[in-house]
Amino acid sequence: MKKDFTNGVPEELQPYWFDDMNLYSCDWWHNLWKTSDLVNIQECKELNCFEEAWKDWLMCDNDFARRDIGMMEAEGGNYFNLVSIIATKL
């Protein structure tokens, strides 16, 4: 997520949203991982390949990908991203 939802799931995404979806912002993931005493975070960032990765996914012959087409159209580039976390084991 580009930014965590503060007022619930936006109306345009509600038809596609499941209670067990775990989509969070880069800051959320960083804050979660930094509490661990098992790893040291080297880097936590948004990836630039979001659009390309989703285009590839939505074009593949997979039932889940076909269902995601409507969600990505409704999302309109406003909410989703890809997060990368690089950590070293302590």
PDB file of N, CA and C in Angstrom:
ATOM      1  N   MET A   1       0.836  -1.168   0.000  1.00  0.00           N
ATOM      2  CA  MET A   1       0.000   0.000   0.000  1.00  0.00           C
ATOM      3  C   MET A   1       0.887   1.240   0.000  1.00  0.00           C
ATOM      4  N   LYS A   2       0.447   2.239  -0.714  1.00  0.00           N
ATOM      5  CA  LYS A   2       1.163   3.511  -0.673  1.00  0.00           C
ATOM      6  C   LYS A   2       1.014   4.143   0.706  1.00  0.00           C
ATOM      7  N   LYS A   3      -0.167   3.967   1.287  1.00  0.00           N
ATOM      8  CA  LYS A   3      -0.480   4.539   2.591  1.00  0.00           C
ATOM      9  C   LYS A   3      -1.551   3.651   3.223  1.00  0.00           C
ATOM     10  N   ASP A   4      -1.414   3.365   4.493  1.00  0.00           N
ATOM     11  CA  ASP A   4      -2.404   2.520   5.166  1.00  0.00           C
ATOM     12  C   ASP A   4      -3.760   3.214   5.210  1.00  0.00           C
ATOM     13  N   PHE A   5      -4.817   2.433   5.091  1.00  0.00           N
ATOM     14  CA  PHE A   5      -6.167   2.988   5.178  1.00  0.00           C
ATOM     15  C   PHE A   5      -6.427   3.432   6.618  1.00  0.00           C
ATOM     16  N   THR A   6      -6.931   4.632   6.786  1.00  0.00           N
ATOM     17  CA  THR A   6      -7.233   5.128   8.131  1.00  0.00           C
ATOM     18  C   THR A   6      -8.731   5.121   8.419  1.00  0.00           C
ATOM     19  N   ASN A   7      -9.539   5.083   7.361  1.00  0.00           N
ATOM     20  CA  ASN A   7     -11.000   5.090   7.527  1.00  0.00           C
ATOM     21  C   ASN A   7     -11.635   3.870   6.877  1.00  0.00           C
ATOM     22  N   GLY A   8     -10.987   2.728   6.994  1.00  0.00           N
ATOM     23  CA  GLY A   8     -11.505   1.514   6.389  1.00  0.00           C
ATOM     24  C   GLY A   8     -11.154   1.426   4.915  1.00  0.00           C
ATOM     25  N   VAL A   9     -11.561   0.346   4.299  1.00  0.00           N
ATOM     26  CA  VAL A   9     -11.283   0.097   2.886  1.00  0.00           C
ATOM     27  C   VAL A   9     -12.100   1.070   2.037  1.00  0.00           C
ATOM     28  N   PRO A  10     -11.455   1.759   1.098  1.00  0.00           N
ATOM     29  CA  PRO A  10     -12.196   2.690   0.235  1.00  0.00           C
ATOM     30  C   PRO A  10     -13.334   1.987  -0.502  1.00  0.00           C
ATOM     31  N   GLU A  11     -14.398   2.717  -0.722  1.00  0.00           N
ATOM     32  CA  GLU A  11     -15.613   2.169  -1.337  1.00  0.00           C
ATOM     33  C   GLU A  11     -15.323   1.460  -2.653  1.00  0.00           C
ATOM     34  N   GLU A  12     -14.457   2.021  -3.488  1.00  0.00           N
ATOM     35  CA  GLU A  12     -14.187   1.434  -4.795  1.00  0.00           C
ATOM     36  C   GLU A  12     -13.455   0.095  -4.716  1.00  0.00           C
ATOM     37  N   LEU A  13     -12.821  -0.187  -3.580  1.00  0.00           N
ATOM     38  CA  LEU A  13     -12.112  -1.459  -3.422  1.00  0.00           C
ATOM     39  C   LEU A  13     -12.917  -2.499  -2.652  1.00  0.00           C
ATOM     40  N   GLN A  14     -13.978  -2.097  -1.993  1.00  0.00           N
ATOM     41  CA  GLN A  14     -14.747  -3.009  -1.145  1.00  0.00           C
ATOM     42  C   GLN A  14     -15.262  -4.257  -1.864  1.00  0.00           C
ATOM     43  N   PRO A  15     -15.691  -4.178  -3.130  1.00  0.00           N
ATOM     44  CA  PRO A  15     -16.159  -5.404  -3.786  1.00  0.00           C
ATOM     45  C   PRO A  15     -15.062  -6.459  -3.974  1.00  0.00           C
ATOM     46  N   TYR A  16     -13.815  -6.055  -3.877  1.00  0.00           N
ATOM     47  CA  TYR A  16     -12.689  -6.953  -4.135  1.00  0.00           C
ATOM     48  C   TYR A  16     -11.954  -7.342  -2.860  1.00  0.00           C
ATOM     49  N   TRP A  17     -12.316  -6.756  -1.756  1.00  0.00           N
ATOM     50  CA  TRP A  17     -11.555  -6.897  -0.519  1.00  0.00           C
ATOM     51  C   TRP A  17     -12.018  -8.102   0.284  1.00  0.00           C
ATOM     52  N   PHE A  18     -11.060  -8.839   0.842  1.00  0.00           N
ATOM     53  CA  PHE A  18     -11.329  -9.973   1.722  1.00  0.00           C
ATOM     54  C   PHE A  18     -10.750  -9.660   3.096  1.00  0.00           C
ATOM     55  N   ASP A  19     -11.374 -10.162   4.131  1.00  0.00           N
ATOM     56  CA  ASP A  19     -10.912  -9.888   5.493  1.00  0.00           C
ATOM     57  C   ASP A  19      -9.488 -10.360   5.755  1.00  0.00           C
ATOM     58  N   ASP A  20      -9.047 -11.397   5.033  1.00  0.00           N
ATOM     59  CA  ASP A  20      -7.708 -11.923   5.288  1.00  0.00           C
ATOM     60  C   ASP A  20      -6.625 -11.306   4.390  1.00  0.00           C
ATOM     61  N   MET A  21      -6.941 -10.211   3.706  1.00  0.00           N
ATOM     62  CA  MET A  21      -5.930  -9.531   2.892  1.00  0.00           C
ATOM     63  C   MET A  21      -4.977  -8.785   3.822  1.00  0.00           C
ATOM     64  N   ASN A  22      -3.699  -8.913   3.558  1.00  0.00           N
ATOM     65  CA  ASN A  22      -2.669  -8.279   4.383  1.00  0.00           C
ATOM     66  C   ASN A  22      -1.843  -7.333   3.537  1.00  0.00           C
ATOM     67  N   LEU A  23      -2.427  -6.225   3.166  1.00  0.00           N
ATOM     68  CA  LEU A  23      -1.747  -5.218   2.364  1.00  0.00           C
ATOM     69  C   LEU A  23      -1.486  -4.014   3.251  1.00  0.00           C
ATOM     70  N   TYR A  24      -0.213  -3.666   3.374  1.00  0.00           N
ATOM     71  CA  TYR A  24       0.172  -2.580   4.267  1.00  0.00           C
ATOM     72  C   TYR A  24       1.236  -1.708   3.613  1.00  0.00           C
ATOM     73  N   SER A  25       1.439  -0.540   4.189  1.00  0.00           N
ATOM     74  CA  SER A  25       2.408   0.418   3.656  1.00  0.00           C
ATOM     75  C   SER A  25       3.841  -0.010   3.972  1.00  0.00           C
ATOM     76  N   CYS A  26       4.758   0.624   3.279  1.00  0.00           N
ATOM     77  CA  CYS A  26       6.179   0.409   3.521  1.00  0.00           C
ATOM     78  C   CYS A  26       6.513   0.721   4.985  1.00  0.00           C
ATOM     79  N   ASP A  27       5.980   1.803   5.502  1.00  0.00           N
ATOM     80  CA  ASP A  27       6.221   2.163   6.907  1.00  0.00           C
ATOM     81  C   ASP A  27       5.690   1.098   7.857  1.00  0.00           C
ATOM     82  N   TRP A  28       4.528   0.538   7.562  1.00  0.00           N
ATOM     83  CA  TRP A  28       3.951  -0.496   8.419  1.00  0.00           C
ATOM     84  C   TRP A  28       4.883  -1.700   8.484  1.00  0.00           C
ATOM     85  N   TRP A  29       5.351  -2.163   7.312  1.00  0.00           N
ATOM     86  CA  TRP A  29       6.249  -3.317   7.269  1.00  0.00           C
ATOM     87  C   TRP A  29       7.559  -3.013   7.990  1.00  0.00           C
ATOM     88  N   HIS A  30       8.104  -1.827   7.773  1.00  0.00           N
ATOM     89  CA  HIS A  30       9.351  -1.453   8.448  1.00  0.00           C
ATOM     90  C   HIS A  30       9.166  -1.470   9.963  1.00  0.00           C
ATOM     91  N   ASN A  31       8.079  -0.885  10.441  1.00  0.00           N
ATOM     92  CA  ASN A  31       7.819  -0.857  11.884  1.00  0.00           C
ATOM     93  C   ASN A  31       7.620  -2.252  12.461  1.00  0.00           C
ATOM     94  N   LEU A  32       7.022  -3.141  11.700  1.00  0.00           N
ATOM     95  CA  LEU A  32       6.850  -4.521  12.160  1.00  0.00           C
ATOM     96  C   LEU A  32       8.201  -5.226  12.284  1.00  0.00           C
ATOM     97  N   TRP A  33       8.985  -5.156  11.219  1.00  0.00           N
ATOM     98  CA  TRP A  33      10.259  -5.876  11.188  1.00  0.00           C
ATOM     99  C   TRP A  33      11.280  -5.302  12.161  1.00  0.00           C
ATOM    100  N   LYS A  34      11.259  -4.014  12.409  1.00  0.00           N
ATOM    101  CA  LYS A  34      12.273  -3.428  13.291  1.00  0.00           C
ATOM    102  C   LYS A  34      12.096  -3.869  14.738  1.00  0.00           C
ATOM    103  N   THR A  35      10.956  -4.441  15.079  1.00  0.00           N
ATOM    104  CA  THR A  35      10.749  -4.941  16.439  1.00  0.00           C
ATOM    105  C   THR A  35      11.410  -6.300  16.658  1.00  0.00           C
ATOM    106  N   SER A  36      11.836  -6.943  15.583  1.00  0.00           N
ATOM    107  CA  SER A  36      12.443  -8.266  15.698  1.00  0.00           C
ATOM    108  C   SER A  36      13.879  -8.167  16.213  1.00  0.00           C
ATOM    109  N   ASP A  37      14.231  -9.091  17.091  1.00  0.00           N
ATOM    110  CA  ASP A  37      15.624  -9.172  17.524  1.00  0.00           C
ATOM    111  C   ASP A  37      16.375 -10.250  16.744  1.00  0.00           C
ATOM    112  N   LEU A  38      15.754 -10.742  15.671  1.00  0.00           N
ATOM    113  CA  LEU A  38      16.372 -11.779  14.845  1.00  0.00           C
ATOM    114  C   LEU A  38      17.010 -11.236  13.574  1.00  0.00           C
ATOM    115  N   VAL A  39      16.614 -10.026  13.169  1.00  0.00           N
ATOM    116  CA  VAL A  39      17.141  -9.450  11.931  1.00  0.00           C
ATOM    117  C   VAL A  39      17.445  -7.967  12.120  1.00  0.00           C
ATOM    118  N   ASN A  40      18.314  -7.475  11.250  1.00  0.00           N
ATOM    119  CA  ASN A  40      18.601  -6.050  11.167  1.00  0.00           C
ATOM    120  C   ASN A  40      18.173  -5.586   9.777  1.00  0.00           C
ATOM    121  N   ILE A  41      17.299  -4.613   9.714  1.00  0.00           N
ATOM    122  CA  ILE A  41      16.805  -4.127   8.424  1.00  0.00           C
ATOM    123  C   ILE A  41      17.882  -3.282   7.758  1.00  0.00           C
ATOM    124  N   GLN A  42      18.245  -3.670   6.546  1.00  0.00           N
ATOM    125  CA  GLN A  42      19.209  -2.914   5.756  1.00  0.00           C
ATOM    126  C   GLN A  42      18.510  -1.869   4.895  1.00  0.00           C
ATOM    127  N   GLU A  43      17.333  -2.268   4.380  1.00  0.00           N
ATOM    128  CA  GLU A  43      16.612  -1.372   3.472  1.00  0.00           C
ATOM    129  C   GLU A  43      15.141  -1.773   3.439  1.00  0.00           C
ATOM    130  N   CYS A  44      14.279  -0.789   3.381  1.00  0.00           N
ATOM    131  CA  CYS A  44      12.848  -1.010   3.222  1.00  0.00           C
ATOM    132  C   CYS A  44      12.352   0.105   2.317  1.00  0.00           C
ATOM    133  N   LYS A  45      11.851  -0.272   1.135  1.00  0.00           N
ATOM    134  CA  LYS A  45      11.476   0.761   0.165  1.00  0.00           C
ATOM    135  C   LYS A  45      10.385   0.272  -0.771  1.00  0.00           C
ATOM    136  N   GLU A  46       9.769   1.230  -1.454  1.00  0.00           N
ATOM    137  CA  GLU A  46       8.819   0.915  -2.516  1.00  0.00           C
ATOM    138  C   GLU A  46       9.610   0.601  -3.781  1.00  0.00           C
ATOM    139  N   LEU A  47       9.156  -0.403  -4.524  1.00  0.00           N
ATOM    140  CA  LEU A  47       9.824  -0.777  -5.769  1.00  0.00           C
ATOM    141  C   LEU A  47       9.251   0.001  -6.947  1.00  0.00           C
ATOM    142  N   ASN A  48      10.100   0.275  -7.909  1.00  0.00           N
ATOM    143  CA  ASN A  48       9.684   1.012  -9.103  1.00  0.00           C
ATOM    144  C   ASN A  48       8.995   0.132 -10.142  1.00  0.00           C
ATOM    145  N   CYS A  49       9.011  -1.179  -9.958  1.00  0.00           N
ATOM    146  CA  CYS A  49       8.503  -2.108 -10.971  1.00  0.00           C
ATOM    147  C   CYS A  49       7.028  -2.459 -10.775  1.00  0.00           C
ATOM    148  N   PHE A  50       6.317  -1.728  -9.930  1.00  0.00           N
ATOM    149  CA  PHE A  50       4.928  -2.055  -9.611  1.00  0.00           C
ATOM    150  C   PHE A  50       4.073  -2.212 -10.864  1.00  0.00           C
ATOM    151  N   GLU A  51       4.078  -1.196 -11.712  1.00  0.00           N
ATOM    152  CA  GLU A  51       3.213  -1.211 -12.895  1.00  0.00           C
ATOM    153  C   GLU A  51       3.544  -2.381 -13.815  1.00  0.00           C
ATOM    154  N   GLU A  52       4.818  -2.585 -14.079  1.00  0.00           N
ATOM    155  CA  GLU A  52       5.249  -3.671 -14.960  1.00  0.00           C
ATOM    156  C   GLU A  52       4.880  -5.035 -14.378  1.00  0.00           C
ATOM    157  N   ALA A  53       5.103  -5.214 -13.093  1.00  0.00           N
ATOM    158  CA  ALA A  53       4.792  -6.494 -12.449  1.00  0.00           C
ATOM    159  C   ALA A  53       3.296  -6.795 -12.510  1.00  0.00           C
ATOM    160  N   TRP A  54       2.459  -5.797 -12.246  1.00  0.00           N
ATOM    161  CA  TRP A  54       1.020  -6.015 -12.292  1.00  0.00           C
ATOM    162  C   TRP A  54       0.523  -6.239 -13.713  1.00  0.00           C
ATOM    163  N   LYS A  55       1.083  -5.547 -14.678  1.00  0.00           N
ATOM    164  CA  LYS A  55       0.681  -5.785 -16.071  1.00  0.00           C
ATOM    165  C   LYS A  55       0.967  -7.226 -16.459  1.00  0.00           C
ATOM    166  N   ASP A  56       2.147  -7.718 -16.104  1.00  0.00           N
ATOM    167  CA  ASP A  56       2.495  -9.116 -16.385  1.00  0.00           C
ATOM    168  C   ASP A  56       1.511 -10.065 -15.711  1.00  0.00           C
ATOM    169  N   TRP A  57       1.205  -9.810 -14.442  1.00  0.00           N
ATOM    170  CA  TRP A  57       0.290 -10.667 -13.691  1.00  0.00           C
ATOM    171  C   TRP A  57      -1.099 -10.668 -14.314  1.00  0.00           C
ATOM    172  N   LEU A  58      -1.618  -9.494 -14.637  1.00  0.00           N
ATOM    173  CA  LEU A  58      -2.983  -9.396 -15.155  1.00  0.00           C
ATOM    174  C   LEU A  58      -3.128  -9.989 -16.549  1.00  0.00           C
ATOM    175  N   MET A  59      -2.041 -10.112 -17.274  1.00  0.00           N
ATOM    176  CA  MET A  59      -2.085 -10.683 -18.623  1.00  0.00           C
ATOM    177  C   MET A  59      -1.926 -12.204 -18.622  1.00  0.00           C
ATOM    178  N   CYS A  60      -1.577 -12.799 -17.483  1.00  0.00           N
ATOM    179  CA  CYS A  60      -1.349 -14.242 -17.470  1.00  0.00           C
ATOM    180  C   CYS A  60      -2.672 -15.001 -17.405  1.00  0.00           C
ATOM    181  N   ASP A  61      -2.609 -16.282 -17.712  1.00  0.00           N
ATOM    182  CA  ASP A  61      -3.789 -17.143 -17.733  1.00  0.00           C
ATOM    183  C   ASP A  61      -3.964 -17.805 -16.365  1.00  0.00           C
ATOM    184  N   ASN A  62      -4.406 -17.025 -15.402  1.00  0.00           N
ATOM    185  CA  ASN A  62      -4.588 -17.500 -14.045  1.00  0.00           C
ATOM    186  C   ASN A  62      -5.919 -16.955 -13.527  1.00  0.00           C
ATOM    187  N   ASP A  63      -6.695 -17.816 -12.885  1.00  0.00           N
ATOM    188  CA  ASP A  63      -8.008 -17.387 -12.387  1.00  0.00           C
ATOM    189  C   ASP A  63      -7.912 -16.210 -11.416  1.00  0.00           C
ATOM    190  N   PHE A  64      -6.918 -16.229 -10.537  1.00  0.00           N
ATOM    191  CA  PHE A  64      -6.754 -15.127  -9.588  1.00  0.00           C
ATOM    192  C   PHE A  64      -6.402 -13.832 -10.312  1.00  0.00           C
ATOM    193  N   ALA A  65      -5.566 -13.930 -11.324  1.00  0.00           N
ATOM    194  CA  ALA A  65      -5.184 -12.735 -12.096  1.00  0.00           C
ATOM    195  C   ALA A  65      -6.403 -12.137 -12.787  1.00  0.00           C
ATOM    196  N   ARG A  66      -7.234 -12.979 -13.353  1.00  0.00           N
ATOM    197  CA  ARG A  66      -8.433 -12.474 -14.035  1.00  0.00           C
ATOM    198  C   ARG A  66      -9.362 -11.754 -13.049  1.00  0.00           C
ATOM    199  N   ARG A  67      -9.449 -12.274 -11.828  1.00  0.00           N
ATOM    200  CA  ARG A  67     -10.280 -11.620 -10.811  1.00  0.00           C
ATOM    201  C   ARG A  67      -9.678 -10.295 -10.343  1.00  0.00           C
ATOM    202  N   ASP A  68      -8.364 -10.178 -10.442  1.00  0.00           N
ATOM    203  CA  ASP A  68      -7.689  -8.950 -10.004  1.00  0.00           C
ATOM    204  C   ASP A  68      -7.826  -7.797 -10.991  1.00  0.00           C
ATOM    205  N   ILE A  69      -8.231  -8.077 -12.214  1.00  0.00           N
ATOM    206  CA  ILE A  69      -8.337  -7.020 -13.228  1.00  0.00           C
ATOM    207  C   ILE A  69      -9.272  -5.906 -12.762  1.00  0.00           C
ATOM    208  N   GLY A  70     -10.459  -6.254 -12.303  1.00  0.00           N
ATOM    209  CA  GLY A  70     -11.417  -5.252 -11.835  1.00  0.00           C
ATOM    210  C   GLY A  70     -10.894  -4.471 -10.644  1.00  0.00           C
ATOM    211  N   MET A  71     -10.214  -5.165  -9.736  1.00  0.00           N
ATOM    212  CA  MET A  71      -9.667  -4.498  -8.565  1.00  0.00           C
ATOM    213  C   MET A  71      -8.623  -3.460  -8.969  1.00  0.00           C
ATOM    214  N   MET A  72      -7.763  -3.823  -9.903  1.00  0.00           N
ATOM    215  CA  MET A  72      -6.720  -2.893 -10.320  1.00  0.00           C
ATOM    216  C   MET A  72      -7.302  -1.720 -11.102  1.00  0.00           C
ATOM    217  N   GLU A  73      -8.352  -1.961 -11.850  1.00  0.00           N
ATOM    218  CA  GLU A  73      -9.025  -0.847 -12.535  1.00  0.00           C
ATOM    219  C   GLU A  73      -9.656   0.092 -11.507  1.00  0.00           C
ATOM    220  N   ALA A  74     -10.294  -0.465 -10.486  1.00  0.00           N
ATOM    221  CA  ALA A  74     -10.922   0.354  -9.441  1.00  0.00           C
ATOM    222  C   ALA A  74      -9.871   1.102  -8.622  1.00  0.00           C
ATOM    223  N   GLU A  75      -8.733   0.485  -8.416  1.00  0.00           N
ATOM    224  CA  GLU A  75      -7.648   1.080  -7.626  1.00  0.00           C
ATOM    225  C   GLU A  75      -7.082   2.309  -8.326  1.00  0.00           C
ATOM    226  N   GLY A  76      -6.989   2.267  -9.638  1.00  0.00           N
ATOM    227  CA  GLY A  76      -6.594   3.425 -10.436  1.00  0.00           C
ATOM    228  C   GLY A  76      -5.252   4.045 -10.111  1.00  0.00           C
ATOM    229  N   GLY A  77      -4.325   3.270  -9.574  1.00  0.00           N
ATOM    230  CA  GLY A  77      -3.011   3.815  -9.249  1.00  0.00           C
ATOM    231  C   GLY A  77      -2.968   4.625  -7.966  1.00  0.00           C
ATOM    232  N   ASN A  78      -4.031   4.576  -7.191  1.00  0.00           N
ATOM    233  CA  ASN A  78      -4.115   5.419  -5.996  1.00  0.00           C
ATOM    234  C   ASN A  78      -3.636   4.770  -4.700  1.00  0.00           C
ATOM    235  N   TYR A  79      -3.611   3.450  -4.637  1.00  0.00           N
ATOM    236  CA  TYR A  79      -3.399   2.806  -3.342  1.00  0.00           C
ATOM    237  C   TYR A  79      -2.245   1.809  -3.284  1.00  0.00           C
ATOM    238  N   PHE A  80      -2.066   1.001  -4.313  1.00  0.00           N
ATOM    239  CA  PHE A  80      -1.164  -0.137  -4.219  1.00  0.00           C
ATOM    240  C   PHE A  80       0.262   0.202  -4.642  1.00  0.00           C
ATOM    241  N   ASN A  81       1.198  -0.563  -4.090  1.00  0.00           N
ATOM    242  CA  ASN A  81       2.598  -0.510  -4.477  1.00  0.00           C
ATOM    243  C   ASN A  81       3.218  -1.870  -4.183  1.00  0.00           C
ATOM    244  N   LEU A  82       4.504  -1.980  -4.397  1.00  0.00           N
ATOM    245  CA  LEU A  82       5.250  -3.175  -4.014  1.00  0.00           C
ATOM    246  C   LEU A  82       6.334  -2.735  -3.045  1.00  0.00           C
ATOM    247  N   VAL A  83       6.535  -3.515  -2.005  1.00  0.00           N
ATOM    248  CA  VAL A  83       7.517  -3.177  -0.976  1.00  0.00           C
ATOM    249  C   VAL A  83       8.634  -4.204  -0.986  1.00  0.00           C
ATOM    250  N   SER A  84       9.852  -3.716  -0.844  1.00  0.00           N
ATOM    251  CA  SER A  84      11.032  -4.571  -0.730  1.00  0.00           C
ATOM    252  C   SER A  84      11.656  -4.350   0.640  1.00  0.00           C
ATOM    253  N   ILE A  85      11.969  -5.453   1.307  1.00  0.00           N
ATOM    254  CA  ILE A  85      12.669  -5.373   2.589  1.00  0.00           C
ATOM    255  C   ILE A  85      13.905  -6.254   2.493  1.00  0.00           C
ATOM    256  N   ILE A  86      15.044  -5.665   2.773  1.00  0.00           N
ATOM    257  CA  ILE A  86      16.299  -6.413   2.828  1.00  0.00           C
ATOM    258  C   ILE A  86      16.763  -6.386   4.277  1.00  0.00           C
ATOM    259  N   ALA A  87      16.977  -7.578   4.830  1.00  0.00           N
ATOM    260  CA  ALA A  87      17.390  -7.679   6.226  1.00  0.00           C
ATOM    261  C   ALA A  87      18.479  -8.733   6.358  1.00  0.00           C
ATOM    262  N   THR A  88      19.305  -8.579   7.355  1.00  0.00           N
ATOM    263  CA  THR A  88      20.330  -9.573   7.648  1.00  0.00           C
ATOM    264  C   THR A  88      20.000 -10.244   8.981  1.00  0.00           C
ATOM    265  N   LYS A  89      20.282 -11.520   9.012  1.00  0.00           N
ATOM    266  CA  LYS A  89      20.040 -12.296  10.223  1.00  0.00           C
ATOM    267  C   LYS A  89      21.074 -11.916  11.280  1.00  0.00           C
ATOM    268  N   LEU A  90      20.621 -11.743  12.502  1.00  0.00           N
ATOM    269  CA  LEU A  90      21.535 -11.391  13.599  1.00  0.00           C
ATOM    270  C   LEU A  90      22.091 -12.632  14.263  1.00  0.00           C
TER     271      LEU A  90
END
